[in-house]
Amino acid sequence: MGKTKRYRGIAACLVLALLVMPLSYSGANAAGTGKPSRWAGEAVSGAAAFGLVPPAFQNRYTQPATRAEFCAIAVSFYEDIIGAEIVQRRKFSDTNDVNVHKMGGLNIVSGTGGNKFSPSGLITREQSAVIFAHMMKSLKLHLDAKRPSFSDRADISDWALAAVGQMQASGIMAGTGNNRFSPKVTYSIEQVIVVLVKIHNLDAGAIKAETALIQDYSQKMLALVNAERAKAGLPAVTGDPTLQAAAATRSAELEQSFSHTRPDGRGCFTVLEDLGVTGRASGENLAIGYTTPERAVRALMASASHKKTILNARYKKLGVGVYIDSGGGFHWAQMFTD
């Protein structure tokens, strides 16, 4: 699938055990000893020893986590699970924190309205459940769907009910005692770490293998595109990290909508605007179902509109996105700019 767009008059052819959490936290423990609570000690100490806990949090384990702090810890674990840096990015107007941008790029976290993230806001238990559910979905880890059975279920926000039920059914999060979930209570740094340790232990080997395959296929597609350009006497395009982030985002979005219109209704080029790229001649090619980069490129070159995008002499940069859905289906996105 290919698309065209104009910028400034220029035509662009595109195309761990159940966790019972305390309801209150003692700052004296963190300030006095720097040690985690007894119930969290083994998991937290192990994660810190393996370098998964950023140093800034290693004397504040019992304190509530802010939204930005949650992202910093989550990125550390996520990147260790996949064995690579997260390339997706989503920028928010009120923070330049790259960890927030990474979690936003994966749609693991979202904003608080008006393209703001509110990084210093404290995270609650129900918000944590939603983020953990999104993280497990991003990692393609199984989640059991079940309504939560806590006695205070009526206090759980409607937008969090499904995630809380999934966390309870899978044993990732449990209650706070007396069959209560306490959805509005803040979540501590050590609680975030303990749950992330559980997620980390689920199936890291398979996830790393898939990530390595995606990286290999992305590089192969770049080489195949340049081989086609060389045949036409055109200079090679270079891989670009920002375009790579944009293409990775777009390839994942194809699972919801195989279209140059994004799932939220915006045009495909807004993925570049989200990353701060404006005023560029840009092109996007999309393909689904092809199981190797060779097959995908052959199919694109067999289409006049897609071939025109690949062989556009104006383009100098390329990002390749490869997404594998839970059924093993491949989704490909190429994002070009001048």
C-alpha atoms as a PDB file:
ATOM      1  CA  MET A   1       0.000   0.000   0.000  1.00  0.00           C
ATOM      2  CA  GLY A   2       1.397   3.407  -0.992  1.00  0.00           C
ATOM      3  CA  LYS A   3       0.439   7.011  -0.383  1.00  0.00           C
ATOM      4  CA  THR A   4       1.410  10.531  -1.473  1.00  0.00           C
ATOM      5  CA  LYS A   5       1.650  13.772   0.428  1.00  0.00           C
ATOM      6  CA  ARG A   6       2.792  17.335  -0.268  1.00  0.00           C
ATOM      7  CA  TYR A   7       5.029  19.391   1.982  1.00  0.00           C
ATOM      8  CA  ARG A   8       5.595  23.018   0.939  1.00  0.00           C
ATOM      9  CA  GLY A   9       4.451  22.263  -2.614  1.00  0.00           C
ATOM     10  CA  ILE A  10       6.679  19.217  -3.014  1.00  0.00           C
ATOM     11  CA  ALA A  11       4.908  15.996  -4.059  1.00  0.00           C
ATOM     12  CA  ALA A  12       5.987  12.994  -2.050  1.00  0.00           C
ATOM     13  CA  CYS A  13       5.158   9.541  -3.380  1.00  0.00           C
ATOM     14  CA  LEU A  14       4.947   7.213  -0.492  1.00  0.00           C
ATOM     15  CA  VAL A  15       4.634   5.011  -0.008  1.00  0.00           C
ATOM     16  CA  LEU A  16       7.229 -14.182  41.167  1.00  0.00           C
ATOM     17  CA  ALA A  17       4.494 -15.483  44.398  1.00  0.00           C
ATOM     18  CA  LEU A  18       1.214 -13.639  44.680  1.00  0.00           C
ATOM     19  CA  LEU A  19       1.880 -10.213  46.043  1.00  0.00           C
ATOM     20  CA  VAL A  20      -0.045  -8.707  48.960  1.00  0.00           C
ATOM     21  CA  MET A  21       0.798  -5.015  48.898  1.00  0.00           C
ATOM     22  CA  PRO A  22       0.857  -2.784  51.999  1.00  0.00           C
ATOM     23  CA  LEU A  23      -1.548   0.141  52.076  1.00  0.00           C
ATOM     24  CA  SER A  24       0.958   2.566  53.529  1.00  0.00           C
ATOM     25  CA  TYR A  25       4.677   3.093  53.191  1.00  0.00           C
ATOM     26  CA  SER A  26       7.379   3.945  55.711  1.00  0.00           C
ATOM     27  CA  GLY A  27       9.795   6.528  54.371  1.00  0.00           C
ATOM     28  CA  ALA A  28      12.039   5.896  57.383  1.00  0.00           C
ATOM     29  CA  ASN A  29      13.079   2.505  56.056  1.00  0.00           C
ATOM     30  CA  ALA A  30      14.264   3.879  52.703  1.00  0.00           C
ATOM     31  CA  ALA A  31      15.898   6.962  54.210  1.00  0.00           C
ATOM     32  CA  GLY A  32      17.534   5.088  57.084  1.00  0.00           C
ATOM     33  CA  THR A  33      18.826   1.889  55.484  1.00  0.00           C
ATOM     34  CA  GLY A  34      18.173   2.073  51.769  1.00  0.00           C
ATOM     35  CA  LYS A  35      16.833  -1.485  51.964  1.00  0.00           C
ATOM     36  CA  PRO A  36      13.568  -2.779  50.480  1.00  0.00           C
ATOM     37  CA  SER A  37      10.809  -4.198  52.652  1.00  0.00           C
ATOM     38  CA  ARG A  38      11.266  -7.791  53.818  1.00  0.00           C
ATOM     39  CA  TRP A  39       8.589  -9.193  51.498  1.00  0.00           C
ATOM     40  CA  ALA A  40      10.281  -7.554  48.485  1.00  0.00           C
ATOM     41  CA  GLY A  41      13.909  -8.059  49.481  1.00  0.00           C
ATOM     42  CA  GLU A  42      14.844 -11.099  47.393  1.00  0.00           C
ATOM     43  CA  ALA A  43      13.304  -9.885  44.145  1.00  0.00           C
ATOM     44  CA  VAL A  44      14.533  -6.304  44.504  1.00  0.00           C
ATOM     45  CA  SER A  45      18.071  -7.255  45.517  1.00  0.00           C
ATOM     46  CA  GLY A  46      18.344  -9.721  42.650  1.00  0.00           C
ATOM     47  CA  ALA A  47      17.100  -7.184  40.108  1.00  0.00           C
ATOM     48  CA  ALA A  48      19.525  -4.548  41.425  1.00  0.00           C
ATOM     49  CA  ALA A  49      22.439  -7.011  41.278  1.00  0.00           C
ATOM     50  CA  PHE A  50      21.714  -7.630  37.599  1.00  0.00           C
ATOM     51  CA  GLY A  51      21.646  -3.903  36.870  1.00  0.00           C
ATOM     52  CA  LEU A  52      17.888  -3.717  36.253  1.00  0.00           C
ATOM     53  CA  VAL A  53      17.215  -1.088  38.921  1.00  0.00           C
ATOM     54  CA  PRO A  54      18.472   2.400  38.009  1.00  0.00           C
ATOM     55  CA  PRO A  55      20.823   3.677  40.748  1.00  0.00           C
ATOM     56  CA  ALA A  56      18.571   6.658  41.529  1.00  0.00           C
ATOM     57  CA  PHE A  57      15.984   4.296  43.026  1.00  0.00           C
ATOM     58  CA  GLN A  58      18.273   2.133  45.134  1.00  0.00           C
ATOM     59  CA  ASN A  59      17.716   4.068  48.365  1.00  0.00           C
ATOM     60  CA  ARG A  60      14.012   4.840  47.856  1.00  0.00           C
ATOM     61  CA  TYR A  61      12.402   1.443  47.423  1.00  0.00           C
ATOM     62  CA  THR A  62       9.476   1.980  49.794  1.00  0.00           C
ATOM     63  CA  GLN A  63       8.508   5.380  48.437  1.00  0.00           C
ATOM     64  CA  PRO A  64       5.626   5.896  45.974  1.00  0.00           C
ATOM     65  CA  ALA A  65       6.658   5.897  42.308  1.00  0.00           C
ATOM     66  CA  THR A  66       5.942   8.831  40.034  1.00  0.00           C
ATOM     67  CA  ARG A  67       4.721   8.254  36.496  1.00  0.00           C
ATOM     68  CA  ALA A  68       8.159   9.074  35.091  1.00  0.00           C
ATOM     69  CA  GLU A  69       9.923   6.840  37.641  1.00  0.00           C
ATOM     70  CA  PHE A  70       7.633   3.975  36.708  1.00  0.00           C
ATOM     71  CA  CYS A  71       8.706   4.421  33.071  1.00  0.00           C
ATOM     72  CA  ALA A  72      12.419   4.490  33.947  1.00  0.00           C
ATOM     73  CA  ILE A  73      12.205   1.181  35.797  1.00  0.00           C
ATOM     74  CA  ALA A  74       9.914  -0.391  33.195  1.00  0.00           C
ATOM     75  CA  VAL A  75      12.251   0.555  30.321  1.00  0.00           C
ATOM     76  CA  SER A  76      15.203  -1.056  32.118  1.00  0.00           C
ATOM     77  CA  PHE A  77      13.324  -4.358  32.455  1.00  0.00           C
ATOM     78  CA  TYR A  78      11.695  -4.224  29.017  1.00  0.00           C
ATOM     79  CA  GLU A  79      14.957  -3.649  27.184  1.00  0.00           C
ATOM     80  CA  ASP A  80      16.599  -6.478  29.107  1.00  0.00           C
ATOM     81  CA  ILE A  81      13.712  -8.791  28.188  1.00  0.00           C
ATOM     82  CA  ILE A  82      13.910  -8.038  24.469  1.00  0.00           C
ATOM     83  CA  GLY A  83      17.704  -7.749  24.433  1.00  0.00           C
ATOM     84  CA  ALA A  84      17.652  -4.448  22.548  1.00  0.00           C
ATOM     85  CA  GLU A  85      16.880  -0.773  22.918  1.00  0.00           C
ATOM     86  CA  ILE A  86      13.283   0.284  22.383  1.00  0.00           C
ATOM     87  CA  VAL A  87      13.217   2.227  19.125  1.00  0.00           C
ATOM     88  CA  GLN A  88       9.649   3.527  19.250  1.00  0.00           C
ATOM     89  CA  ARG A  89       9.067   7.027  20.611  1.00  0.00           C
ATOM     90  CA  ARG A  90       6.095   9.209  21.466  1.00  0.00           C
ATOM     91  CA  LYS A  91       6.813  12.719  22.647  1.00  0.00           C
ATOM     92  CA  PHE A  92       4.758  14.591  25.240  1.00  0.00           C
ATOM     93  CA  SER A  93       4.685  18.355  25.609  1.00  0.00           C
ATOM     94  CA  ASP A  94       5.580  18.401  29.318  1.00  0.00           C
ATOM     95  CA  THR A  95       8.596  16.081  29.449  1.00  0.00           C
ATOM     96  CA  ASN A  96      11.779  15.317  27.513  1.00  0.00           C
ATOM     97  CA  ASP A  97      12.335  12.088  29.453  1.00  0.00           C
ATOM     98  CA  VAL A  98      13.419   9.461  26.907  1.00  0.00           C
ATOM     99  CA  ASN A  99      12.059   6.640  29.080  1.00  0.00           C
ATOM    100  CA  VAL A 100       8.599   8.205  28.992  1.00  0.00           C
ATOM    101  CA  HIS A 101       8.926   8.611  25.218  1.00  0.00           C
ATOM    102  CA  LYS A 102       9.882   4.939  24.846  1.00  0.00           C
ATOM    103  CA  MET A 103       6.971   3.648  26.922  1.00  0.00           C
ATOM    104  CA  GLY A 104       4.656   6.034  25.081  1.00  0.00           C
ATOM    105  CA  GLY A 105       5.986   4.852  21.725  1.00  0.00           C
ATOM    106  CA  LEU A 106       5.041   1.288  22.620  1.00  0.00           C
ATOM    107  CA  ASN A 107       1.586   2.440  23.792  1.00  0.00           C
ATOM    108  CA  ILE A 108       2.375   1.003  27.210  1.00  0.00           C
ATOM    109  CA  VAL A 109       1.663   4.377  28.814  1.00  0.00           C
ATOM    110  CA  SER A 110      -0.553   7.185  27.604  1.00  0.00           C
ATOM    111  CA  GLY A 111      -0.947  10.844  28.432  1.00  0.00           C
ATOM    112  CA  THR A 112      -3.248  12.679  30.777  1.00  0.00           C
ATOM    113  CA  GLY A 113      -4.825  14.868  28.107  1.00  0.00           C
ATOM    114  CA  GLY A 114      -3.639  17.653  25.830  1.00  0.00           C
ATOM    115  CA  ASN A 115      -0.528  15.655  24.855  1.00  0.00           C
ATOM    116  CA  LYS A 116       0.725  15.939  28.443  1.00  0.00           C
ATOM    117  CA  PHE A 117       2.102  13.084  30.524  1.00  0.00           C
ATOM    118  CA  SER A 118       2.244  14.620  34.032  1.00  0.00           C
ATOM    119  CA  PRO A 119       5.582  12.925  34.805  1.00  0.00           C
ATOM    120  CA  SER A 120       5.690  13.915  38.478  1.00  0.00           C
ATOM    121  CA  GLY A 121       2.230  12.556  39.253  1.00  0.00           C
ATOM    122  CA  LEU A 122       2.125   9.495  41.506  1.00  0.00           C
ATOM    123  CA  ILE A 123       1.068   6.181  40.011  1.00  0.00           C
ATOM    124  CA  THR A 124      -1.867   4.282  41.530  1.00  0.00           C
ATOM    125  CA  ARG A 125      -2.491   0.555  41.791  1.00  0.00           C
ATOM    126  CA  GLU A 126      -5.166   0.555  39.087  1.00  0.00           C
ATOM    127  CA  GLN A 127      -2.978   2.631  36.766  1.00  0.00           C
ATOM    128  CA  SER A 128      -0.136   0.181  37.386  1.00  0.00           C
ATOM    129  CA  ALA A 129      -2.385  -2.752  36.481  1.00  0.00           C
ATOM    130  CA  VAL A 130      -3.246  -1.140  33.159  1.00  0.00           C
ATOM    131  CA  ILE A 131       0.403  -0.391  32.361  1.00  0.00           C
ATOM    132  CA  PHE A 132       1.481  -3.940  33.250  1.00  0.00           C
ATOM    133  CA  ALA A 133      -1.287  -5.342  31.046  1.00  0.00           C
ATOM    134  CA  HIS A 134      -0.169  -3.134  28.139  1.00  0.00           C
ATOM    135  CA  MET A 135       3.441  -4.176  28.712  1.00  0.00           C
ATOM    136  CA  MET A 136       2.579  -7.879  28.644  1.00  0.00           C
ATOM    137  CA  LYS A 137       0.518  -7.389  25.487  1.00  0.00           C
ATOM    138  CA  SER A 138       3.448  -5.594  23.857  1.00  0.00           C
ATOM    139  CA  LEU A 139       5.681  -8.539  24.766  1.00  0.00           C
ATOM    140  CA  LYS A 140       3.011 -10.959  23.450  1.00  0.00           C
ATOM    141  CA  LEU A 141       2.742 -12.643  26.842  1.00  0.00           C
ATOM    142  CA  HIS A 142      -0.505 -14.480  27.602  1.00  0.00           C
ATOM    143  CA  LEU A 143      -3.114 -12.806  29.785  1.00  0.00           C
ATOM    144  CA  ASP A 144      -6.220 -14.541  31.127  1.00  0.00           C
ATOM    145  CA  ALA A 145      -9.380 -12.478  30.797  1.00  0.00           C
ATOM    146  CA  LYS A 146     -11.411 -12.497  34.017  1.00  0.00           C
ATOM    147  CA  ARG A 147     -13.453 -10.009  35.970  1.00  0.00           C
ATOM    148  CA  PRO A 148     -11.780  -9.015  39.231  1.00  0.00           C
ATOM    149  CA  SER A 149     -13.321 -10.600  42.307  1.00  0.00           C
ATOM    150  CA  PHE A 150     -12.141  -8.092  44.909  1.00  0.00           C
ATOM    151  CA  SER A 151     -14.678  -6.872  47.446  1.00  0.00           C
ATOM    152  CA  ASP A 152     -13.944  -3.259  46.474  1.00  0.00           C
ATOM    153  CA  ARG A 153     -14.407  -3.918  42.751  1.00  0.00           C
ATOM    154  CA  ALA A 154     -16.913  -1.059  42.585  1.00  0.00           C
ATOM    155  CA  ASP A 155     -14.086   1.345  43.445  1.00  0.00           C
ATOM    156  CA  ILE A 156     -12.052   0.303  40.401  1.00  0.00           C
ATOM    157  CA  SER A 157     -12.381   2.695  37.459  1.00  0.00           C
ATOM    158  CA  ASP A 158     -14.183   1.275  34.429  1.00  0.00           C
ATOM    159  CA  TRP A 159     -11.084   1.769  32.236  1.00  0.00           C
ATOM    160  CA  ALA A 160      -9.017  -0.372  34.629  1.00  0.00           C
ATOM    161  CA  LEU A 161     -11.451  -3.254  35.345  1.00  0.00           C
ATOM    162  CA  ALA A 162     -10.249  -5.542  32.561  1.00  0.00           C
ATOM    163  CA  ALA A 163      -6.565  -5.023  33.385  1.00  0.00           C
ATOM    164  CA  VAL A 164      -7.081  -5.562  37.116  1.00  0.00           C
ATOM    165  CA  GLY A 165      -8.936  -8.780  36.313  1.00  0.00           C
ATOM    166  CA  GLN A 166      -6.103  -9.919  34.061  1.00  0.00           C
ATOM    167  CA  MET A 167      -3.472  -9.142  36.694  1.00  0.00           C
ATOM    168  CA  GLN A 168      -5.459 -11.018  39.356  1.00  0.00           C
ATOM    169  CA  ALA A 169      -6.115 -14.053  37.124  1.00  0.00           C
ATOM    170  CA  SER A 170      -2.484 -14.333  36.051  1.00  0.00           C
ATOM    171  CA  GLY A 171      -1.085 -13.881  39.557  1.00  0.00           C
ATOM    172  CA  ILE A 172       0.920 -10.828  38.533  1.00  0.00           C
ATOM    173  CA  MET A 173      -0.834  -8.568  41.054  1.00  0.00           C
ATOM    174  CA  ALA A 174      -2.937  -9.560  44.041  1.00  0.00           C
ATOM    175  CA  GLY A 175      -4.803  -7.587  46.670  1.00  0.00           C
ATOM    176  CA  THR A 176      -3.866  -5.571  49.723  1.00  0.00           C
ATOM    177  CA  GLY A 177      -5.514  -7.884  52.241  1.00  0.00           C
ATOM    178  CA  ASN A 178      -9.092  -8.690  53.209  1.00  0.00           C
ATOM    179  CA  ASN A 179      -9.897  -9.342  49.529  1.00  0.00           C
ATOM    180  CA  ARG A 180      -9.397  -5.691  48.645  1.00  0.00           C
ATOM    181  CA  PHE A 181      -7.495  -4.256  45.690  1.00  0.00           C
ATOM    182  CA  SER A 182      -7.355  -0.617  46.859  1.00  0.00           C
ATOM    183  CA  PRO A 183      -7.235   0.799  43.322  1.00  0.00           C
ATOM    184  CA  LYS A 184      -6.584   4.438  44.230  1.00  0.00           C
ATOM    185  CA  VAL A 185      -3.679   3.756  46.587  1.00  0.00           C
ATOM    186  CA  THR A 186      -0.255   4.772  45.273  1.00  0.00           C
ATOM    187  CA  TYR A 187       2.208   2.138  44.105  1.00  0.00           C
ATOM    188  CA  SER A 188       5.732   2.016  45.523  1.00  0.00           C
ATOM    189  CA  ILE A 189       9.015   1.644  43.670  1.00  0.00           C
ATOM    190  CA  GLU A 190       9.623  -1.793  45.201  1.00  0.00           C
ATOM    191  CA  GLN A 191       6.150  -2.952  44.190  1.00  0.00           C
ATOM    192  CA  VAL A 192       6.841  -1.913  40.599  1.00  0.00           C
ATOM    193  CA  ILE A 193      10.122  -3.836  40.656  1.00  0.00           C
ATOM    194  CA  VAL A 194       8.640  -7.028  42.123  1.00  0.00           C
ATOM    195  CA  VAL A 195       5.912  -7.201  39.472  1.00  0.00           C
ATOM    196  CA  LEU A 196       8.422  -6.475  36.699  1.00  0.00           C
ATOM    197  CA  VAL A 197      10.581  -9.342  37.995  1.00  0.00           C
ATOM    198  CA  LYS A 198       7.563 -11.635  37.585  1.00  0.00           C
ATOM    199  CA  ILE A 199       7.005 -10.450  34.019  1.00  0.00           C
ATOM    200  CA  HIS A 200      10.725 -10.706  33.274  1.00  0.00           C
ATOM    201  CA  ASN A 201      10.723 -14.382  34.273  1.00  0.00           C
ATOM    202  CA  LEU A 202       7.862 -15.455  32.003  1.00  0.00           C
ATOM    203  CA  ASP A 203       9.414 -16.103  28.576  1.00  0.00           C
ATOM    204  CA  ALA A 204      12.424 -13.906  27.957  1.00  0.00           C
ATOM    205  CA  GLY A 205      14.188 -16.386  25.676  1.00  0.00           C
ATOM    206  CA  ALA A 206      11.459 -16.452  23.032  1.00  0.00           C
ATOM    207  CA  ILE A 207      11.064 -12.678  23.166  1.00  0.00           C
ATOM    208  CA  LYS A 208      14.795 -12.087  22.644  1.00  0.00           C
ATOM    209  CA  ALA A 209      14.787 -14.439  19.654  1.00  0.00           C
ATOM    210  CA  GLU A 210      11.903 -12.559  18.041  1.00  0.00           C
ATOM    211  CA  THR A 211      13.593  -9.201  18.648  1.00  0.00           C
ATOM    212  CA  ALA A 212      16.806 -10.458  17.037  1.00  0.00           C
ATOM    213  CA  LEU A 213      14.828 -11.698  14.018  1.00  0.00           C
ATOM    214  CA  ILE A 214      13.092  -8.324  13.651  1.00  0.00           C
ATOM    215  CA  GLN A 215      16.421  -6.476  13.788  1.00  0.00           C
ATOM    216  CA  ASP A 216      17.914  -8.818  11.186  1.00  0.00           C
ATOM    217  CA  TYR A 217      14.921  -8.491   8.854  1.00  0.00           C
ATOM    218  CA  SER A 218      14.949  -4.716   9.186  1.00  0.00           C
ATOM    219  CA  GLN A 219      18.596  -4.540   8.113  1.00  0.00           C
ATOM    220  CA  LYS A 220      18.004  -6.986   5.266  1.00  0.00           C
ATOM    221  CA  MET A 221      15.107  -4.922   3.934  1.00  0.00           C
ATOM    222  CA  LEU A 222      17.278  -1.792   3.966  1.00  0.00           C
ATOM    223  CA  ALA A 223      19.946  -3.663   1.980  1.00  0.00           C
ATOM    224  CA  LEU A 224      17.355  -5.005  -0.481  1.00  0.00           C
ATOM    225  CA  VAL A 225      15.935  -1.524  -1.069  1.00  0.00           C
ATOM    226  CA  ASN A 226      19.425  -0.196  -1.766  1.00  0.00           C
ATOM    227  CA  ALA A 227      20.092  -3.078  -4.153  1.00  0.00           C
ATOM    228  CA  GLU A 228      17.005  -2.074  -6.150  1.00  0.00           C
ATOM    229  CA  ARG A 229      18.076   1.569  -6.108  1.00  0.00           C
ATOM    230  CA  ALA A 230      21.558   0.586  -7.323  1.00  0.00           C
ATOM    231  CA  LYS A 231      20.037  -1.279 -10.262  1.00  0.00           C
ATOM    232  CA  ALA A 232      18.264   1.956 -11.198  1.00  0.00           C
ATOM    233  CA  GLY A 233      21.457   3.998 -10.869  1.00  0.00           C
ATOM    234  CA  LEU A 234      20.261   5.744  -7.690  1.00  0.00           C
ATOM    235  CA  PRO A 235      22.260   6.483  -4.541  1.00  0.00           C
ATOM    236  CA  ALA A 236      21.624   4.377  -1.467  1.00  0.00           C
ATOM    237  CA  VAL A 237      19.341   5.507   1.329  1.00  0.00           C
ATOM    238  CA  THR A 238      20.756   5.397   4.854  1.00  0.00           C
ATOM    239  CA  GLY A 239      19.104   3.969   7.919  1.00  0.00           C
ATOM    240  CA  ASP A 240      17.819   6.658  10.262  1.00  0.00           C
ATOM    241  CA  PRO A 241      16.968   6.099  13.973  1.00  0.00           C
ATOM    242  CA  THR A 242      14.018   8.502  13.985  1.00  0.00           C
ATOM    243  CA  LEU A 243      12.531   6.964  10.855  1.00  0.00           C
ATOM    244  CA  GLN A 244      13.178   3.542  12.369  1.00  0.00           C
ATOM    245  CA  ALA A 245      11.106   4.556  15.388  1.00  0.00           C
ATOM    246  CA  ALA A 246       8.339   5.882  13.144  1.00  0.00           C
ATOM    247  CA  ALA A 247       8.293   2.766  10.957  1.00  0.00           C
ATOM    248  CA  ALA A 248       8.292   0.446  13.980  1.00  0.00           C
ATOM    249  CA  THR A 249       5.264   2.283  15.330  1.00  0.00           C
ATOM    250  CA  ARG A 250       3.477   2.126  11.999  1.00  0.00           C
ATOM    251  CA  SER A 251       4.160  -1.593  11.480  1.00  0.00           C
ATOM    252  CA  ALA A 252       2.600  -2.363  14.882  1.00  0.00           C
ATOM    253  CA  GLU A 253      -0.415  -0.188  14.053  1.00  0.00           C
ATOM    254  CA  LEU A 254      -1.109  -2.275  10.945  1.00  0.00           C
ATOM    255  CA  GLU A 255      -2.484  -5.029  13.150  1.00  0.00           C
ATOM    256  CA  GLN A 256      -5.400  -2.711  13.925  1.00  0.00           C
ATOM    257  CA  SER A 257      -5.680  -0.962  10.570  1.00  0.00           C
ATOM    258  CA  PHE A 258      -3.906  -1.833   7.319  1.00  0.00           C
ATOM    259  CA  SER A 259      -4.178   1.702   6.027  1.00  0.00           C
ATOM    260  CA  HIS A 260      -2.331   4.990   5.670  1.00  0.00           C
ATOM    261  CA  THR A 261      -4.808   6.263   8.238  1.00  0.00           C
ATOM    262  CA  ARG A 262      -3.630   5.464  11.746  1.00  0.00           C
ATOM    263  CA  PRO A 263      -5.900   3.693  14.273  1.00  0.00           C
ATOM    264  CA  ASP A 264      -6.609   7.029  15.995  1.00  0.00           C
ATOM    265  CA  GLY A 265      -7.890   8.509  12.710  1.00  0.00           C
ATOM    266  CA  ARG A 266      -4.851  10.648  11.924  1.00  0.00           C
ATOM    267  CA  GLY A 267      -2.829  10.439   8.723  1.00  0.00           C
ATOM    268  CA  CYS A 268       0.258   8.242   8.584  1.00  0.00           C
ATOM    269  CA  PHE A 269       2.711  11.153   8.546  1.00  0.00           C
ATOM    270  CA  THR A 270       1.632  12.290  11.986  1.00  0.00           C
ATOM    271  CA  VAL A 271       3.932   9.552  13.297  1.00  0.00           C
ATOM    272  CA  LEU A 272       6.796  11.795  12.128  1.00  0.00           C
ATOM    273  CA  GLU A 273       5.224  14.892  13.659  1.00  0.00           C
ATOM    274  CA  ASP A 274       4.945  12.983  16.954  1.00  0.00           C
ATOM    275  CA  LEU A 275       8.723  12.569  16.805  1.00  0.00           C
ATOM    276  CA  GLY A 276       9.405  16.213  15.957  1.00  0.00           C
ATOM    277  CA  VAL A 277       9.958  15.736  12.196  1.00  0.00           C
ATOM    278  CA  THR A 278       8.124  18.386  10.163  1.00  0.00           C
ATOM    279  CA  GLY A 279       8.323  19.923   6.707  1.00  0.00           C
ATOM    280  CA  ARG A 280       9.949  16.955   4.996  1.00  0.00           C
ATOM    281  CA  ALA A 281       9.064  15.171   1.768  1.00  0.00           C
ATOM    282  CA  SER A 282       8.079  11.774   3.087  1.00  0.00           C
ATOM    283  CA  GLY A 283       6.877   8.432   1.783  1.00  0.00           C
ATOM    284  CA  GLU A 284       5.406   5.314   3.314  1.00  0.00           C
ATOM    285  CA  ASN A 285       5.103   1.789   1.919  1.00  0.00           C
ATOM    286  CA  LEU A 286       3.108  -0.885   3.757  1.00  0.00           C
ATOM    287  CA  ALA A 287       2.836  -4.641   3.333  1.00  0.00           C
ATOM    288  CA  ILE A 288       1.421  -7.517   5.357  1.00  0.00           C
ATOM    289  CA  GLY A 289       1.608 -11.294   5.154  1.00  0.00           C
ATOM    290  CA  TYR A 290       5.055 -11.683   3.583  1.00  0.00           C
ATOM    291  CA  THR A 291       7.242 -13.840   5.822  1.00  0.00           C
ATOM    292  CA  THR A 292      10.673 -12.638   4.675  1.00  0.00           C
ATOM    293  CA  PRO A 293      12.103  -9.254   3.630  1.00  0.00           C
ATOM    294  CA  GLU A 294      12.914 -10.698   0.207  1.00  0.00           C
ATOM    295  CA  ARG A 295       9.275 -11.594  -0.424  1.00  0.00           C
ATOM    296  CA  ALA A 296       8.066  -8.262   0.909  1.00  0.00           C
ATOM    297  CA  VAL A 297      10.420  -6.238  -1.300  1.00  0.00           C
ATOM    298  CA  ARG A 298       9.567  -8.322  -4.375  1.00  0.00           C
ATOM    299  CA  ALA A 299       5.883  -7.621  -3.783  1.00  0.00           C
ATOM    300  CA  LEU A 300       6.500  -3.903  -3.313  1.00  0.00           C
ATOM    301  CA  MET A 301       8.613  -3.682  -6.458  1.00  0.00           C
ATOM    302  CA  ALA A 302       5.851  -5.446  -8.409  1.00  0.00           C
ATOM    303  CA  SER A 303       3.496  -2.557  -7.571  1.00  0.00           C
ATOM    304  CA  ALA A 304       3.998   0.608  -9.635  1.00  0.00           C
ATOM    305  CA  SER A 305       3.180   3.003  -6.789  1.00  0.00           C
ATOM    306  CA  HIS A 306       5.375   1.246  -4.234  1.00  0.00           C
ATOM    307  CA  LYS A 307       8.219   0.884  -6.715  1.00  0.00           C
ATOM    308  CA  LYS A 308       8.010   4.607  -7.415  1.00  0.00           C
ATOM    309  CA  THR A 309       8.481   5.308  -3.712  1.00  0.00           C
ATOM    310  CA  ILE A 310      11.458   2.949  -3.386  1.00  0.00           C
ATOM    311  CA  LEU A 311      13.101   4.455  -6.480  1.00  0.00           C
ATOM    312  CA  ASN A 312      12.394   8.086  -5.650  1.00  0.00           C
ATOM    313  CA  ALA A 313      15.730   9.855  -6.132  1.00  0.00           C
ATOM    314  CA  ARG A 314      14.739  12.563  -3.649  1.00  0.00           C
ATOM    315  CA  TYR A 315      14.711  10.215  -0.683  1.00  0.00           C
ATOM    316  CA  LYS A 316      17.930   9.874   1.277  1.00  0.00           C
ATOM    317  CA  LYS A 317      16.824   8.185   4.514  1.00  0.00           C
ATOM    318  CA  LEU A 318      14.802   5.082   5.350  1.00  0.00           C
ATOM    319  CA  GLY A 319      13.358   3.466   8.440  1.00  0.00           C
ATOM    320  CA  VAL A 320      12.033  -0.107   8.310  1.00  0.00           C
ATOM    321  CA  GLY A 321       9.445  -1.407  10.742  1.00  0.00           C
ATOM    322  CA  VAL A 322       8.746  -5.115  11.210  1.00  0.00           C
ATOM    323  CA  TYR A 323       6.012  -6.339  13.528  1.00  0.00           C
ATOM    324  CA  ILE A 324       5.047  -9.966  14.191  1.00  0.00           C
ATOM    325  CA  ASP A 325       1.552 -10.410  15.610  1.00  0.00           C
ATOM    326  CA  SER A 326       0.506 -13.089  18.104  1.00  0.00           C
ATOM    327  CA  GLY A 327      -0.512 -15.374  15.244  1.00  0.00           C
ATOM    328  CA  GLY A 328       2.893 -15.139  13.567  1.00  0.00           C
ATOM    329  CA  GLY A 329       1.752 -12.717  10.856  1.00  0.00           C
ATOM    330  CA  PHE A 330       4.284 -10.207   9.539  1.00  0.00           C
ATOM    331  CA  HIS A 331       3.571  -6.488   9.133  1.00  0.00           C
ATOM    332  CA  TRP A 332       6.036  -4.276   7.238  1.00  0.00           C
ATOM    333  CA  ALA A 333       6.387  -0.499   7.051  1.00  0.00           C
ATOM    334  CA  GLN A 334       8.925   1.606   5.144  1.00  0.00           C
ATOM    335  CA  MET A 335       9.234   5.291   5.996  1.00  0.00           C
ATOM    336  CA  PHE A 336      11.312   7.482   3.660  1.00  0.00           C
ATOM    337  CA  THR A 337      12.354  11.149   3.893  1.00  0.00           C
ATOM    338  CA  ASP A 338      14.628  13.447   1.924  1.00  0.00           C
END
